[in-house]
Protein backbone atom coordinates (compact mmCIF):
# COMPACT_ATOMS: atom_id res chain seq x y z
CA MET A 1 55.74 -24.04 39.84
CA PHE A 2 54.85 -20.53 38.62
CA GLU A 3 57.83 -18.40 39.81
CA GLN A 4 59.80 -18.60 36.66
CA ILE A 5 56.72 -17.65 34.65
CA PHE A 6 56.31 -14.44 36.69
CA LYS A 7 60.06 -13.68 36.17
CA ASN A 8 59.69 -14.19 32.41
CA ILE A 9 56.69 -11.87 32.36
CA ASP A 10 58.69 -9.20 34.07
CA ASP A 11 61.51 -9.66 31.57
CA VAL A 12 59.20 -9.12 28.65
CA LEU A 13 57.63 -6.01 30.23
CA TRP A 14 61.04 -4.62 31.09
CA LYS A 15 61.83 -4.42 27.36
CA ASP A 16 58.58 -2.73 26.43
CA ALA A 17 58.61 1.07 25.97
CA GLY A 18 55.22 1.45 27.68
CA CYS A 19 56.24 -0.06 31.03
CA SER A 20 58.89 1.79 33.03
CA SER A 21 58.53 0.68 36.63
CA GLU A 22 57.46 -2.10 39.00
CA LEU A 23 54.13 -0.28 39.28
CA ASP A 24 53.52 -0.75 35.53
CA TYR A 25 54.63 -4.39 35.70
CA VAL A 26 52.06 -5.19 38.35
CA GLU A 27 49.29 -3.19 36.78
CA GLN A 28 49.76 -4.76 33.30
CA THR A 29 50.28 -8.27 34.65
CA SER A 30 47.10 -7.86 36.78
CA TRP A 31 44.55 -7.17 34.02
CA ILE A 32 45.86 -10.08 31.95
CA LEU A 33 45.85 -12.40 35.01
CA PHE A 34 42.41 -11.26 35.85
CA LEU A 35 40.98 -12.19 32.47
CA LYS A 36 42.73 -15.64 32.66
CA TYR A 37 41.23 -16.07 36.16
CA ILE A 38 37.73 -15.31 34.88
CA ASP A 39 38.21 -17.87 32.08
CA ASP A 40 39.20 -20.56 34.58
CA LEU A 41 36.35 -19.60 36.87
CA GLU A 42 33.88 -19.75 34.04
CA LYS A 43 35.23 -23.24 33.05
CA ASP A 44 34.73 -24.50 36.64
CA LYS A 45 31.16 -23.14 36.81
CA LYS A 46 30.34 -24.70 33.50
CA THR A 47 31.71 -28.12 34.66
CA SER A 48 29.78 -27.92 37.94
CA ALA A 49 26.57 -27.05 36.08
CA GLU A 50 27.01 -30.00 33.63
CA LEU A 51 27.55 -32.45 36.61
CA THR A 52 24.14 -31.44 37.99
CA GLY A 53 22.44 -31.53 34.61
CA LYS A 54 22.12 -27.74 34.34
CA THR A 55 23.27 -25.36 31.61
CA TYR A 56 25.68 -22.57 32.48
CA GLU A 57 25.53 -19.26 30.53
CA SER A 58 28.88 -17.47 30.34
CA ILE A 59 28.99 -13.79 31.33
CA ILE A 60 31.38 -13.16 28.46
CA THR A 61 30.29 -13.38 24.84
CA PRO A 62 32.34 -15.77 22.63
CA ASP A 63 34.37 -13.22 20.78
CA PHE A 64 35.86 -11.96 24.01
CA GLN A 65 36.46 -15.30 25.74
CA TRP A 66 40.05 -16.16 26.52
CA ASN A 67 40.19 -19.20 24.32
CA VAL A 68 39.03 -17.10 21.31
CA TRP A 69 41.06 -13.85 21.33
CA ALA A 70 43.98 -14.61 23.70
CA ALA A 71 44.80 -18.31 23.37
CA PRO A 72 42.95 -20.20 20.62
CA LYS A 73 44.09 -23.85 20.60
CA ASP A 74 44.46 -26.52 17.94
CA LYS A 75 43.19 -30.02 18.25
CA ASP A 76 46.41 -30.97 20.18
CA GLY A 77 45.79 -28.28 22.85
CA ARG A 78 48.62 -26.01 21.60
CA ILE A 79 48.39 -22.33 20.60
CA ASP A 80 46.84 -22.17 17.10
CA HIS A 81 49.24 -19.88 15.23
CA ASN A 82 46.82 -19.70 12.30
CA LYS A 83 44.18 -18.05 14.47
CA VAL A 84 46.26 -16.19 17.10
CA LEU A 85 46.44 -12.38 17.02
CA SER A 86 49.81 -10.69 17.39
CA GLY A 87 51.64 -7.36 16.74
CA ASP A 88 49.49 -4.43 15.76
CA ASP A 89 46.39 -6.69 15.15
CA LEU A 90 46.52 -7.79 18.80
CA ASN A 91 47.05 -4.29 20.24
CA ASP A 92 44.23 -2.90 18.07
CA PHE A 93 41.83 -5.62 19.20
CA VAL A 94 42.74 -5.12 22.87
CA ASN A 95 42.62 -1.30 22.85
CA MET A 96 39.70 -0.75 20.50
CA ARG A 97 37.42 -3.77 21.22
CA LEU A 98 38.40 -5.68 24.31
CA PHE A 99 38.73 -2.85 26.84
CA PRO A 100 35.53 -0.97 25.56
CA TYR A 101 33.60 -4.26 25.83
CA PHE A 102 34.56 -4.95 29.42
CA LYS A 103 34.11 -1.32 30.47
CA LYS A 104 30.37 -1.70 29.66
CA PHE A 105 30.04 -4.47 32.30
CA LYS A 106 29.93 -1.77 35.01
CA THR A 107 26.84 -0.08 33.73
CA ASP A 108 25.14 -3.41 32.85
CA ALA A 109 25.73 -5.04 36.25
CA ASP A 110 22.81 -5.28 38.70
CA CYS A 111 24.88 -4.29 41.77
CA PRO A 112 28.49 -3.73 42.88
CA ASP A 113 28.75 -7.05 44.67
CA THR A 114 28.87 -9.04 41.47
CA ILE A 115 31.98 -10.17 39.58
CA HIS A 116 30.29 -8.61 36.53
CA TYR A 117 30.52 -5.15 38.12
CA LYS A 118 34.11 -5.62 39.25
CA ILE A 119 35.13 -6.58 35.75
CA GLY A 120 33.63 -3.35 34.47
CA GLU A 121 35.16 -1.29 37.30
CA ILE A 122 38.64 -2.64 36.67
CA PHE A 123 38.55 -2.06 32.90
CA SER A 124 37.11 1.44 33.36
CA GLU A 125 40.15 2.44 35.37
CA LEU A 126 42.99 0.74 33.52
CA LYS A 127 44.47 0.89 30.03
CA ASN A 128 46.76 -1.35 28.13
CA LYS A 129 50.25 0.23 28.45
CA ILE A 130 52.11 -2.59 26.54
CA GLN A 131 53.03 -0.81 23.29
CA SER A 132 54.37 -3.73 21.36
CA GLY A 133 51.73 -6.21 20.26
CA TYR A 134 54.52 -8.80 20.08
CA ASN A 135 55.44 -8.23 23.75
CA LEU A 136 51.76 -8.49 24.64
CA ARG A 137 51.55 -11.81 22.75
CA GLU A 138 54.50 -13.08 24.79
CA VAL A 139 52.91 -12.07 28.11
CA ILE A 140 49.54 -13.63 27.17
CA ASN A 141 51.21 -16.92 26.13
CA LEU A 142 53.04 -17.02 29.56
CA VAL A 143 49.84 -16.20 31.51
CA ASP A 144 48.02 -18.91 29.59
CA SER A 145 50.27 -21.49 31.13
CA LEU A 146 49.13 -20.51 34.59
CA ARG A 147 46.34 -22.34 36.30
CA PHE A 148 43.94 -21.13 39.08
CA GLY A 149 42.12 -24.38 39.73
CA SER A 150 43.56 -26.11 42.78
CA HIS A 151 44.07 -24.72 46.26
CA ALA A 152 47.86 -25.39 45.95
CA GLU A 153 47.97 -23.37 42.69
CA LYS A 154 46.09 -20.44 44.21
CA HIS A 155 48.25 -20.59 47.28
CA GLU A 156 51.48 -20.36 45.26
CA MET A 157 49.98 -17.60 43.11
CA SER A 158 49.04 -15.56 46.17
CA HIS A 159 52.70 -15.73 47.44
CA LEU A 160 54.09 -14.73 44.08
CA TYR A 161 51.61 -11.87 43.75
CA GLU A 162 52.44 -10.68 47.23
CA ALA A 163 56.11 -10.63 46.27
CA LYS A 164 55.31 -8.45 43.26
CA ILE A 165 53.35 -6.04 45.42
CA GLN A 166 56.29 -5.91 47.86
CA ASN A 167 58.63 -5.06 44.93
CA MET A 168 56.29 -2.38 43.84
CA GLY A 169 56.14 -1.01 47.31
CA ASN A 170 59.88 -0.84 47.44
CA ALA A 171 60.06 0.96 44.11
CA GLY A 172 59.33 4.42 45.37
CA ARG A 173 58.68 6.78 48.24
CA ASN A 174 55.00 5.81 48.38
CA GLY A 175 55.87 2.11 49.13
CA GLY A 176 53.84 2.00 52.30
CA GLU A 177 50.75 3.03 50.34
CA TYR A 178 50.78 -0.38 48.63
CA TYR A 179 52.63 -2.61 51.02
CA THR A 180 52.36 -3.08 54.79
CA PRO A 181 54.97 -5.59 56.08
CA ARG A 182 53.24 -8.91 56.37
CA PRO A 183 54.76 -9.82 59.73
CA LEU A 184 53.14 -6.63 61.16
CA ILE A 185 49.81 -7.50 59.49
CA LYS A 186 49.84 -11.03 60.97
CA THR A 187 50.61 -9.67 64.37
CA VAL A 188 47.79 -7.10 64.22
CA VAL A 189 45.31 -9.83 63.19
CA LYS A 190 46.42 -12.14 65.91
CA VAL A 191 45.99 -9.46 68.61
CA VAL A 192 42.58 -8.28 67.39
CA ALA A 193 41.62 -11.97 66.95
CA PRO A 194 38.45 -11.78 64.67
CA SER A 195 36.10 -14.69 64.68
CA ILE A 196 33.74 -16.37 62.17
CA GLY A 197 30.53 -14.39 61.78
CA GLU A 198 32.16 -10.99 62.43
CA LYS A 199 32.19 -8.42 59.59
CA ILE A 200 35.82 -7.16 58.98
CA TYR A 201 36.44 -3.80 57.32
CA ASP A 202 39.38 -1.86 55.86
CA GLY A 203 38.43 1.57 54.51
CA ALA A 204 41.93 2.19 53.11
CA VAL A 205 42.27 -1.28 51.72
CA GLY A 206 45.33 -0.82 49.39
CA SER A 207 46.53 -4.25 48.29
CA ALA A 208 44.10 -5.86 50.77
CA GLY A 209 46.88 -7.30 52.97
CA PHE A 210 44.84 -7.03 56.22
CA LEU A 211 41.75 -8.65 54.69
CA CYS A 212 43.78 -11.45 53.06
CA GLU A 213 45.66 -12.20 56.31
CA ALA A 214 42.39 -12.10 58.31
CA PHE A 215 41.03 -14.70 55.78
CA GLU A 216 44.07 -16.97 56.30
CA TYR A 217 43.68 -16.59 60.11
CA LEU A 218 40.03 -17.45 60.15
CA LYS A 219 40.10 -20.39 57.64
CA SER A 220 42.80 -22.26 59.66
CA GLY A 221 40.23 -23.81 61.99
CA ASN A 222 37.70 -26.63 61.48
CA LEU A 223 35.09 -24.97 59.38
CA THR A 224 31.71 -26.09 58.25
CA THR A 225 30.27 -25.51 54.75
CA LYS A 226 28.25 -22.60 56.17
CA ASP A 227 31.35 -21.10 57.76
CA LEU A 228 33.17 -21.21 54.41
CA GLU A 229 30.27 -19.48 52.64
CA THR A 230 30.26 -16.80 55.41
CA LEU A 231 33.91 -16.17 54.89
CA GLN A 232 33.45 -15.91 51.05
CA LYS A 233 30.47 -13.60 51.01
CA LYS A 234 29.70 -11.96 54.40
CA THR A 235 32.97 -11.27 56.19
CA PHE A 236 35.43 -9.04 54.32
CA TYR A 237 34.70 -5.53 53.15
CA GLY A 238 36.89 -2.75 51.93
CA LYS A 239 37.00 0.59 50.13
CA GLU A 240 39.82 1.92 47.99
CA LYS A 241 40.23 5.34 46.26
CA LYS A 242 43.11 4.66 43.89
CA SER A 243 42.60 2.68 40.68
CA LEU A 244 45.78 0.68 40.76
CA ALA A 245 45.44 -0.29 44.37
CA TYR A 246 41.83 -1.30 43.71
CA ILE A 247 42.69 -3.82 41.05
CA ILE A 248 45.64 -5.11 43.12
CA GLY A 249 43.45 -5.55 46.18
CA ILE A 250 40.89 -7.41 44.14
CA MET A 251 43.49 -9.74 42.58
CA ASN A 252 45.24 -10.34 45.86
CA MET A 253 41.98 -11.45 47.51
CA ILE A 254 41.13 -13.65 44.57
CA PHE A 255 44.53 -15.35 44.69
CA HIS A 256 44.02 -15.97 48.43
CA GLY A 257 40.76 -17.73 47.69
CA ILE A 258 38.00 -15.10 47.97
CA ASP A 259 36.22 -15.41 44.59
CA SER A 260 34.21 -12.13 44.49
CA PRO A 261 35.82 -9.61 46.93
CA ASN A 262 33.49 -6.99 48.52
CA ILE A 263 35.79 -4.08 47.69
CA ILE A 264 34.23 -0.88 46.46
CA HIS A 265 36.18 1.65 44.34
CA THR A 266 35.38 4.93 46.18
CA ASN A 267 36.91 7.70 48.33
CA THR A 268 36.07 6.71 51.87
CA LEU A 269 36.59 10.18 53.18
CA SER A 270 34.01 11.67 50.82
CA GLU A 271 31.31 10.03 52.94
CA ASN A 272 29.90 12.19 55.77
CA ILE A 273 30.36 10.11 58.94
CA SER A 274 27.16 11.53 60.41
CA ASP A 275 25.28 9.52 57.79
CA ILE A 276 26.72 6.20 59.10
CA GLN A 277 23.85 4.05 60.44
CA GLU A 278 23.88 0.87 62.52
CA LYS A 279 23.45 -1.25 59.41
CA ASP A 280 26.63 0.23 57.95
CA ARG A 281 28.81 -0.71 60.91
CA TYR A 282 31.40 -3.48 61.29
CA ASN A 283 32.67 -5.72 64.14
CA VAL A 284 36.32 -5.41 63.25
CA VAL A 285 38.44 -2.66 61.60
CA LEU A 286 41.98 -3.53 60.40
CA ALA A 287 43.73 -0.75 58.54
CA ASN A 288 46.86 1.21 57.65
CA PRO A 289 45.50 4.54 56.26
CA PRO A 290 47.93 6.62 54.11
CA PHE A 291 50.67 8.61 55.94
CA GLY A 292 50.99 12.31 55.39
CA GLY A 293 48.13 12.94 52.90
CA LYS A 294 46.43 16.28 52.89
CA GLU A 295 42.71 16.53 52.34
CA ARG A 296 40.71 19.39 50.89
CA VAL A 297 38.49 21.62 52.96
CA GLU A 298 35.31 20.20 51.43
CA VAL A 299 36.37 16.70 52.45
CA GLN A 300 37.11 17.84 55.99
CA GLN A 301 33.49 19.01 56.26
CA ASN A 302 32.37 15.38 56.49
CA PHE A 303 34.03 15.14 59.94
CA PRO A 304 33.31 16.70 63.39
CA ILE A 305 37.06 17.25 64.02
CA LYS A 306 38.42 19.25 61.08
CA THR A 307 41.93 18.50 59.95
CA GLY A 308 43.80 18.19 56.69
CA GLU A 309 45.68 15.09 57.89
CA THR A 310 44.30 12.11 55.95
CA ALA A 311 45.12 9.47 58.58
CA PHE A 312 43.31 11.54 61.33
CA LEU A 313 40.11 11.72 59.25
CA PHE A 314 40.37 7.92 58.68
CA LEU A 315 40.65 7.33 62.45
CA GLN A 316 37.35 9.35 62.97
CA HIS A 317 35.73 7.23 60.25
CA PHE A 318 36.93 3.98 61.84
CA ILE A 319 35.71 4.88 65.28
CA LYS A 320 32.30 5.85 63.88
CA ILE A 321 31.91 2.73 61.70
CA LEU A 322 32.75 0.23 64.47
CA LYS A 323 29.84 -1.47 66.16
CA ALA A 324 29.58 -1.17 69.95
CA GLY A 325 31.89 -3.77 71.31
CA GLY A 326 33.81 -3.75 68.01
CA LYS A 327 37.66 -4.21 67.87
CA ALA A 328 40.15 -2.34 65.81
CA GLY A 329 43.93 -2.39 64.97
CA VAL A 330 44.99 0.77 63.15
CA VAL A 331 48.52 1.79 61.99
CA ILE A 332 49.11 5.51 62.38
CA LYS A 333 52.07 8.01 62.55
CA ASN A 334 53.51 8.23 66.05
CA THR A 335 53.10 12.02 66.00
CA PHE A 336 49.40 11.40 66.56
CA LEU A 337 50.25 10.60 70.13
CA SER A 338 51.84 13.91 70.88
CA ASN A 339 50.81 16.61 68.29
CA THR A 340 49.65 19.72 70.17
CA ASP A 341 47.35 21.22 67.50
CA ASN A 342 43.64 21.43 68.43
CA ALA A 343 42.51 18.63 66.00
CA SER A 344 45.08 16.08 67.33
CA VAL A 345 44.25 16.82 70.98
CA SER A 346 40.47 16.60 70.25
CA LEU A 347 40.88 13.39 68.39
CA ARG A 348 42.91 11.79 71.18
CA LYS A 349 40.29 12.90 73.75
CA HIS A 350 37.54 11.40 71.47
CA LEU A 351 39.37 8.11 71.16
CA LEU A 352 39.90 7.77 74.84
CA GLU A 353 36.27 8.70 75.71
CA SER A 354 34.55 6.55 73.08
CA CYS A 355 36.90 3.58 73.02
CA SER A 356 39.16 1.57 75.33
CA LEU A 357 42.61 2.14 73.79
CA HIS A 358 44.06 -0.81 75.57
CA THR A 359 47.34 -1.31 73.58
CA VAL A 360 49.87 0.89 71.77
CA LEU A 361 52.64 -0.90 69.72
CA ASP A 362 55.55 1.56 69.06
CA LEU A 363 57.33 0.54 65.85
CA PRO A 364 60.99 1.39 65.11
CA GLY A 365 62.01 3.53 62.13
CA GLY A 366 62.50 1.51 58.93
CA THR A 367 59.42 -0.62 59.53
CA PHE A 368 57.89 0.92 56.46
CA LEU A 369 60.36 1.12 53.60
CA GLY A 370 60.52 4.60 51.96
CA ALA A 371 57.96 6.06 54.34
CA GLY A 372 60.45 8.17 56.28
CA VAL A 373 58.15 8.28 59.42
CA LYS A 374 57.79 6.40 62.64
CA THR A 375 54.50 4.68 63.28
CA VAL A 376 52.47 3.02 66.10
CA VAL A 377 49.61 0.61 66.04
CA LEU A 378 46.53 1.52 68.03
CA PHE A 379 44.45 -1.37 69.39
CA PHE A 380 41.06 -0.34 70.74
CA ASP A 381 37.58 -1.59 71.53
CA LYS A 382 34.57 0.61 71.07
CA GLY A 383 31.94 1.17 73.68
CA VAL A 384 33.77 1.84 76.95
CA SER A 385 36.18 4.66 77.81
CA THR A 386 39.87 4.05 78.28
CA LYS A 387 41.05 3.42 81.88
CA LYS A 388 44.67 2.40 81.19
CA ILE A 389 46.94 1.86 78.21
CA TRP A 390 49.54 -0.88 77.77
CA TYR A 391 52.57 0.23 75.79
CA TYR A 392 55.10 -1.94 74.05
CA GLN A 393 58.26 -0.38 72.43
CA LEU A 394 59.43 -2.77 69.71
CA ASN A 395 63.22 -3.07 69.85
CA PRO A 396 64.51 -5.56 67.26
CA GLY A 397 68.14 -4.90 68.19
CA ARG A 398 69.11 -3.76 64.73
CA ASN A 399 68.40 -1.15 62.16
CA LEU A 400 65.47 -2.14 59.89
CA GLY A 401 65.69 -1.67 56.14
CA LYS A 402 65.29 -3.12 52.68
CA THR A 403 67.88 -5.83 53.23
CA ASN A 404 67.00 -6.31 56.90
CA PRO A 405 63.18 -6.07 57.22
CA LEU A 406 60.83 -6.64 60.11
CA ASN A 407 60.18 -10.42 60.71
CA GLU A 408 57.71 -12.40 62.80
CA ASN A 409 60.40 -13.23 65.43
CA ASP A 410 60.80 -9.50 66.16
CA LEU A 411 57.10 -9.40 67.16
CA ALA A 412 56.94 -12.68 69.11
CA GLU A 413 57.54 -11.09 72.53
CA PHE A 414 54.96 -8.45 71.92
CA ILE A 415 52.26 -11.10 71.07
CA GLU A 416 53.06 -13.13 74.15
CA LEU A 417 53.20 -10.15 76.62
CA GLN A 418 50.08 -8.53 75.17
CA LYS A 419 47.94 -11.39 76.24
CA THR A 420 48.35 -10.49 79.85
CA LYS A 421 49.62 -6.89 79.27
CA ALA A 422 52.71 -7.70 81.42
CA ASP A 423 55.38 -5.22 82.21
CA SER A 424 58.95 -5.82 80.94
CA LEU A 425 61.97 -3.82 79.81
CA ASN A 426 60.04 -2.99 76.68
CA SER A 427 56.45 -2.73 78.07
CA TRP A 428 54.60 -0.69 80.74
CA THR A 429 51.14 0.50 81.65
CA VAL A 430 49.89 4.05 81.94
CA LYS A 431 46.67 5.03 83.77
CA VAL A 432 44.53 7.60 81.93
CA ALA A 433 44.07 9.36 85.24
CA ASP A 434 47.77 10.15 85.17
CA ILE A 435 47.67 11.68 81.67
CA ASN A 436 47.44 15.53 81.33
CA ALA A 437 43.76 16.17 80.76
CA GLU A 438 44.45 19.36 78.75
CA THR A 439 46.98 18.00 76.19
CA CYS A 440 46.02 14.36 76.35
CA ASP A 441 49.61 13.53 75.49
CA LEU A 442 49.93 9.82 74.82
CA SER A 443 53.68 9.85 73.84
CA VAL A 444 55.73 6.70 74.16
CA LYS A 445 57.97 7.25 77.15
CA ASN A 446 59.44 4.03 78.33
CA PRO A 447 60.08 4.39 82.08
CA ASN A 448 62.35 1.34 82.09
CA LYS A 449 65.08 3.08 80.00
CA LYS A 450 66.13 5.84 82.27
CA ASP A 451 69.74 5.65 81.02
CA GLU A 452 68.72 6.98 77.61
CA ALA A 453 69.88 10.52 76.82
CA VAL A 454 67.32 13.23 77.60
CA LEU A 455 66.05 15.02 74.41
CA ARG A 456 67.58 18.48 74.21
CA GLU A 457 65.74 21.73 73.28
CA PRO A 458 66.00 22.64 69.57
CA ILE A 459 67.75 25.91 70.32
CA GLU A 460 70.41 24.11 72.23
CA ILE A 461 71.09 21.76 69.28
CA LEU A 462 71.20 24.67 66.84
CA ASP A 463 73.73 26.46 69.05
CA GLU A 464 75.93 23.43 69.12
CA ILE A 465 75.74 23.06 65.30
CA SER A 466 76.77 26.71 64.97
CA GLU A 467 79.68 26.18 67.32
CA LEU A 468 80.83 23.13 65.48
CA ASP A 469 80.59 25.03 62.18
CA GLU A 470 82.82 27.75 63.55
CA GLN A 471 85.37 25.14 64.68
CA SER A 472 85.34 23.49 61.28
CA ALA A 473 85.88 26.84 59.61
CA GLU A 474 88.94 27.43 61.86
CA ILE A 475 90.38 24.02 60.95
CA LEU A 476 89.84 24.62 57.20
CA LYS A 477 91.49 27.99 57.52
CA SER A 478 94.51 26.44 59.14
CA VAL A 479 94.76 23.76 56.50
CA ARG A 480 94.58 26.33 53.58
CA GLU A 481 97.44 28.29 55.28
CA LEU A 482 99.60 25.16 55.23
CA LEU A 483 99.04 24.63 51.47
């Protein structure tokens, strides 16, 4: 229904001088989609109010309502070309009046939980990059033909928007920052198995993939009106530092059916974890914190275990913010399991002592496009120390990549075996009592694959490279003598 419209929008943005990448396409499409969504939401609320004999007061003043500035209609319901803005007139209105108007919503809002505040937050962080007012007019006309009313329309919109996020994730080295493969997210959610009434949190929310998938998982049952209200308002919580990821996360949750997402635009790591109280805690943590980031010394002061590694600070935050008995599924670099620096060793000990790390899912290279690192998923419950760890080494039987990504079938065996933590060719159990107490090394070492080559010492590899280089030099010398 809407797929061709999205393609047409990208085609228009592609020819605009202000938009140079998939990141720009998603960002610029998002703010326009957001205003169209607000317009449809306002219409629904007005209709509902009229049906009950009440009056609905719009949060947006008339001059800035969609049907006035973006898509004024004639009596036949078509765009009124006598009233519509285009070219420089449209760009001047958007840049000099529309954006400043919506920015003020942030300071005027009563609290961050309101849609009013979120409008202000979004327009405080973004700017219109579409340089041609004629291109902007084309995009607005295309967006105007979209509808957000029915469940089916929102469902299709959510899939199309996810595809745009995936394309954006594939566009550069930082792809994993915006896009976690959906088969992996679904698997993590199934294993953690949240339930209605639990508060679910992602402190590195990105495009909100974990929260959206948890919503899909929870709404699949037979729900009461109270359950649906709980899912809408009291279940999903997130924090995001980056402006673009913040608006994408908001939009993604809206398209999945969460009308006013509880996502806060803030740097999670700037909060001192010693200030976290019981009222701040959550039942479930689902997250994929950034790989390889480096945090400043002043940020590290907020954590008992000092490290510049962003993901390791997030892990401390997640452990602290879980309620007793809480459950977590966290993606992290596999080097966390074996690094020998003091911070890594201390953090592993802290995890094992304060939580039951019951499952480690070892992911193959290529799971995250463009990330260049191998990852694992840590599944743990807070409140009891770890006695044994069940490992599963995912072996899809092929090299993963852009044209051959991870799929749900690849993870089916893991999900089935994890229920009973059964041993297999790809899975095994390690008792914590058998782990070196000093290094706390949790490396993935599959005992069922003894025929694999033993890893050699680096100096041995370098010696062999040097020897091969000498052989190559001799061969090249012989060839030159023949010429």
